[in-house]
Protein backbone atom coordinates (compact mmCIF):
# COMPACT_ATOMS: atom_id res chain seq x y z
CA MET A 1 -9.72 6.96 -7.01
CA ASN A 2 -9.02 3.26 -7.49
CA GLN A 3 -11.16 0.58 -5.87
CA ARG A 4 -8.73 -0.30 -3.05
CA ILE A 5 -8.28 3.35 -2.04
CA ARG A 6 -12.06 3.74 -2.08
CA GLU A 7 -12.36 0.71 0.22
CA LEU A 8 -9.79 2.14 2.64
CA TRP A 9 -11.56 5.51 2.54
CA ASN A 10 -14.84 3.82 3.44
CA GLN A 11 -13.13 1.98 6.32
CA SER A 12 -12.00 5.31 7.71
CA ARG A 13 -15.53 6.59 8.31
CA TYR A 14 -16.36 7.75 11.79
CA PRO A 15 -18.68 5.34 13.64
CA SER A 16 -21.47 7.90 13.34
CA GLY A 17 -21.16 7.63 9.56
CA ARG A 18 -20.60 11.36 9.27
CA GLY A 19 -17.25 12.19 7.75
CA HIS A 20 -13.93 10.39 7.66
CA ASP A 21 -11.06 10.07 10.08
CA GLU A 22 -8.14 11.24 7.93
CA GLN A 23 -5.54 9.90 10.36
CA LYS A 24 -7.13 6.44 10.25
CA PHE A 25 -7.20 6.64 6.44
CA ALA A 26 -3.47 7.43 6.37
CA GLU A 27 -2.76 4.59 8.80
CA LEU A 28 -4.72 2.15 6.63
CA ILE A 29 -2.69 3.18 3.58
CA VAL A 30 0.59 2.75 5.47
CA LYS A 31 -0.48 -0.68 6.75
CA GLU A 32 -1.40 -1.68 3.21
CA CYS A 33 2.05 -0.59 2.01
CA MET A 34 3.73 -2.50 4.83
CA ASN A 35 1.87 -5.65 3.82
CA ARG A 36 3.04 -5.21 0.24
CA VAL A 37 6.63 -4.75 1.38
CA ARG A 38 6.43 -7.94 3.43
CA SER A 39 5.04 -9.85 0.48
CA ARG A 40 8.02 -8.80 -1.65
CA GLN A 41 10.59 -9.40 1.07
CA GLN A 42 11.07 -13.00 -0.04
CA PHE A 43 12.66 -11.81 -3.29
CA ALA A 44 15.43 -9.92 -1.54
CA GLY A 45 18.53 -11.96 -0.83
CA GLU A 46 22.19 -11.41 -0.28
CA ASP A 47 22.78 -10.81 -3.99
CA GLN A 48 22.47 -7.08 -4.78
CA GLN A 49 20.73 -7.90 -8.07
CA ASN A 50 17.95 -9.64 -6.17
CA VAL A 51 17.54 -6.69 -3.80
CA THR A 52 17.30 -4.24 -6.70
CA GLN A 53 14.82 -6.47 -8.49
CA ALA A 54 12.75 -6.87 -5.32
CA PHE A 55 12.52 -3.10 -4.85
CA ASP A 56 11.64 -2.56 -8.51
CA LEU A 57 8.86 -5.12 -8.14
CA LEU A 58 7.69 -3.48 -4.93
CA VAL A 59 7.45 -0.05 -6.56
CA TYR A 60 5.53 -1.55 -9.48
CA ASP A 61 3.28 -3.46 -7.08
CA LEU A 62 2.44 -0.35 -5.05
CA GLU A 63 1.79 1.71 -8.18
CA SER A 64 -0.50 -0.98 -9.56
CA HIS A 65 -2.22 -1.68 -6.25
CA PHE A 66 -3.14 1.95 -5.63
CA GLY A 67 -3.49 2.98 -9.27
CA VAL A 68 -0.77 5.61 -8.95
CA GLU A 69 1.77 6.48 -11.64
CA GLU A 70 5.20 7.84 -10.80
């Protein structure tokens, strides 16, 4: 598990400290992905080449950020 996923997992602990809220964990991951998408949005323009490049960068960014390989 990469460091960022570990951090999100720790943030999903129940207040009692016993166990994890899996729904909260999933929501944290989705929010993290949404933030990454927004950060790459600036690269997308009207030119199709730029849109393709922006999505390629986004996929790479998400893979790197979460330590996941396609």
